[in-house]
Amino acid sequence: MANMGEDAPEDVSNSSQVDMDGQSLKIALHKLEQAEAVAEAAENLRNLELAAVPINKVDVGVIASEFDITDAEAEKTLRENKGKIHEALMSLVLK
């Protein structure tokens, strides 16, 4: 029984360590969630910026057929290159 008394402070110490680790985990998880929210907001902003770029639908068709990609991929490439077909084509060639 005397041995149990000696173990008791150690158990409390281990419990404190677990509580501290749990708190550290909560903090790390919160930081991760914040970072993910920032990344999502940045991606949403980039998508809005790209959506505002005027493009020619004929150019989308040309890019899609020449590179055998979907219209969505062609449109994104065209928007990423400010609607300029020459720059969009060059970016795909250089990929």
C-alpha atoms as a PDB file:
ATOM      1  CA  MET A   1       0.000   0.000   0.000  1.00  0.00           C
ATOM      2  CA  ALA A   2       2.882   2.349   0.678  1.00  0.00           C
ATOM      3  CA  ASN A   3       3.868   1.822  -2.904  1.00  0.00           C
ATOM      4  CA  MET A   4       0.497   3.223  -4.072  1.00  0.00           C
ATOM      5  CA  GLY A   5       1.161   6.451  -2.210  1.00  0.00           C
ATOM      6  CA  GLU A   6       4.471   6.817  -3.975  1.00  0.00           C
ATOM      7  CA  ASP A   7       2.836   6.300  -7.352  1.00  0.00           C
ATOM      8  CA  ALA A   8       0.091   8.843  -6.730  1.00  0.00           C
ATOM      9  CA  PRO A   9       2.238  11.969  -7.277  1.00  0.00           C
ATOM     10  CA  GLU A  10       3.615  10.398 -10.434  1.00  0.00           C
ATOM     11  CA  ASP A  11       0.082   9.796 -11.705  1.00  0.00           C
ATOM     12  CA  VAL A  12      -0.785  13.446 -11.068  1.00  0.00           C
ATOM     13  CA  SER A  13       2.353  14.481 -12.915  1.00  0.00           C
ATOM     14  CA  ASN A  14       1.419  12.295 -15.876  1.00  0.00           C
ATOM     15  CA  SER A  15      -2.095  13.701 -15.804  1.00  0.00           C
ATOM     16  CA  SER A  16      -0.708  17.244 -15.900  1.00  0.00           C
ATOM     17  CA  GLN A  17       1.512  16.322 -18.820  1.00  0.00           C
ATOM     18  CA  VAL A  18      -1.468  14.873 -20.681  1.00  0.00           C
ATOM     19  CA  ASP A  19      -3.464  18.046 -19.968  1.00  0.00           C
ATOM     20  CA  MET A  20      -0.606  20.186 -21.286  1.00  0.00           C
ATOM     21  CA  ASP A  21      -0.269  17.986 -24.358  1.00  0.00           C
ATOM     22  CA  GLY A  22      -4.014  18.199 -24.885  1.00  0.00           C
ATOM     23  CA  GLN A  23      -3.883  21.980 -24.635  1.00  0.00           C
ATOM     24  CA  SER A  24      -0.956  22.098 -27.068  1.00  0.00           C
ATOM     25  CA  LEU A  25      -2.919  19.914 -29.444  1.00  0.00           C
ATOM     26  CA  LYS A  26      -5.941  22.225 -29.215  1.00  0.00           C
ATOM     27  CA  ILE A  27      -3.746  25.247 -29.941  1.00  0.00           C
ATOM     28  CA  ALA A  28      -2.097  23.521 -32.897  1.00  0.00           C
ATOM     29  CA  LEU A  29      -5.470  22.429 -34.263  1.00  0.00           C
ATOM     30  CA  HIS A  30      -6.821  25.978 -33.928  1.00  0.00           C
ATOM     31  CA  LYS A  31      -3.799  27.364 -35.800  1.00  0.00           C
ATOM     32  CA  LEU A  32      -4.262  24.777 -38.528  1.00  0.00           C
ATOM     33  CA  GLU A  33      -7.937  25.677 -38.878  1.00  0.00           C
ATOM     34  CA  GLN A  34      -7.002  29.367 -39.132  1.00  0.00           C
ATOM     35  CA  ALA A  35      -4.396  28.624 -41.793  1.00  0.00           C
ATOM     36  CA  GLU A  36      -6.918  26.566 -43.763  1.00  0.00           C
ATOM     37  CA  ALA A  37      -9.464  29.394 -43.536  1.00  0.00           C
ATOM     38  CA  VAL A  38      -6.893  31.898 -44.805  1.00  0.00           C
ATOM     39  CA  ALA A  39      -5.938  29.586 -47.683  1.00  0.00           C
ATOM     40  CA  GLU A  40      -9.592  29.083 -48.584  1.00  0.00           C
ATOM     41  CA  ALA A  41     -10.226  32.839 -48.521  1.00  0.00           C
ATOM     42  CA  ALA A  42      -7.199  33.427 -50.749  1.00  0.00           C
ATOM     43  CA  GLU A  43      -8.406  30.780 -53.197  1.00  0.00           C
ATOM     44  CA  ASN A  44     -11.894  32.317 -53.247  1.00  0.00           C
ATOM     45  CA  LEU A  45     -10.416  35.748 -53.933  1.00  0.00           C
ATOM     46  CA  ARG A  46      -8.268  34.338 -56.751  1.00  0.00           C
ATOM     47  CA  ASN A  47     -11.324  32.648 -58.265  1.00  0.00           C
ATOM     48  CA  LEU A  48     -13.239  35.939 -58.161  1.00  0.00           C
ATOM     49  CA  GLU A  49     -10.326  37.737 -59.822  1.00  0.00           C
ATOM     50  CA  LEU A  50     -10.156  35.099 -62.549  1.00  0.00           C
ATOM     51  CA  ALA A  51     -13.915  35.214 -63.092  1.00  0.00           C
ATOM     52  CA  ALA A  52     -13.645  38.952 -63.759  1.00  0.00           C
ATOM     53  CA  VAL A  53     -11.184  38.449 -66.648  1.00  0.00           C
ATOM     54  CA  PRO A  54     -13.021  38.820 -69.968  1.00  0.00           C
ATOM     55  CA  ILE A  55     -12.470  35.914 -72.346  1.00  0.00           C
ATOM     56  CA  ASN A  56     -13.550  34.905 -75.809  1.00  0.00           C
ATOM     57  CA  LYS A  57     -15.473  31.617 -75.854  1.00  0.00           C
ATOM     58  CA  VAL A  58     -14.061  30.823 -79.301  1.00  0.00           C
ATOM     59  CA  ASP A  59     -10.561  31.014 -77.783  1.00  0.00           C
ATOM     60  CA  VAL A  60     -11.662  28.522 -75.117  1.00  0.00           C
ATOM     61  CA  GLY A  61     -12.724  26.101 -77.855  1.00  0.00           C
ATOM     62  CA  VAL A  62      -9.467  26.529 -79.753  1.00  0.00           C
ATOM     63  CA  ILE A  63      -7.353  25.904 -76.647  1.00  0.00           C
ATOM     64  CA  ALA A  64      -9.468  22.914 -75.574  1.00  0.00           C
ATOM     65  CA  SER A  65      -9.281  21.247 -78.992  1.00  0.00           C
ATOM     66  CA  GLU A  66      -5.599  21.972 -79.633  1.00  0.00           C
ATOM     67  CA  PHE A  67      -4.461  20.637 -76.265  1.00  0.00           C
ATOM     68  CA  ASP A  68      -7.135  17.987 -75.762  1.00  0.00           C
ATOM     69  CA  ILE A  69      -8.251  19.470 -72.442  1.00  0.00           C
ATOM     70  CA  THR A  70     -11.694  20.260 -71.084  1.00  0.00           C
ATOM     71  CA  ASP A  71     -13.363  23.576 -71.747  1.00  0.00           C
ATOM     72  CA  ALA A  72     -13.118  24.325 -68.019  1.00  0.00           C
ATOM     73  CA  GLU A  73      -9.345  23.757 -68.056  1.00  0.00           C
ATOM     74  CA  ALA A  74      -8.987  25.841 -71.212  1.00  0.00           C
ATOM     75  CA  GLU A  75     -11.089  28.640 -69.724  1.00  0.00           C
ATOM     76  CA  LYS A  76      -9.047  28.652 -66.527  1.00  0.00           C
ATOM     77  CA  THR A  77      -5.792  28.778 -68.489  1.00  0.00           C
ATOM     78  CA  LEU A  78      -7.117  31.624 -70.618  1.00  0.00           C
ATOM     79  CA  ARG A  79      -8.270  33.577 -67.552  1.00  0.00           C
ATOM     80  CA  GLU A  80      -4.937  32.973 -65.784  1.00  0.00           C
ATOM     81  CA  ASN A  81      -3.289  34.578 -68.821  1.00  0.00           C
ATOM     82  CA  LYS A  82      -5.499  37.672 -68.782  1.00  0.00           C
ATOM     83  CA  GLY A  83      -7.652  36.469 -71.675  1.00  0.00           C
ATOM     84  CA  LYS A  84      -4.731  36.542 -74.108  1.00  0.00           C
ATOM     85  CA  ILE A  85      -4.838  33.425 -76.251  1.00  0.00           C
ATOM     86  CA  HIS A  86      -1.188  33.620 -77.302  1.00  0.00           C
ATOM     87  CA  GLU A  87      -0.019  33.706 -73.668  1.00  0.00           C
ATOM     88  CA  ALA A  88      -2.431  30.917 -72.723  1.00  0.00           C
ATOM     89  CA  LEU A  89      -1.146  28.722 -75.545  1.00  0.00           C
ATOM     90  CA  MET A  90       2.471  29.419 -74.586  1.00  0.00           C
ATOM     91  CA  SER A  91       1.785  28.544 -70.945  1.00  0.00           C
ATOM     92  CA  LEU A  92       0.389  25.188 -72.020  1.00  0.00           C
ATOM     93  CA  VAL A  93       3.289  24.498 -74.380  1.00  0.00           C
ATOM     94  CA  LEU A  94       5.779  25.264 -71.622  1.00  0.00           C
ATOM     95  CA  LYS A  95       4.058  23.023 -69.061  1.00  0.00           C
END
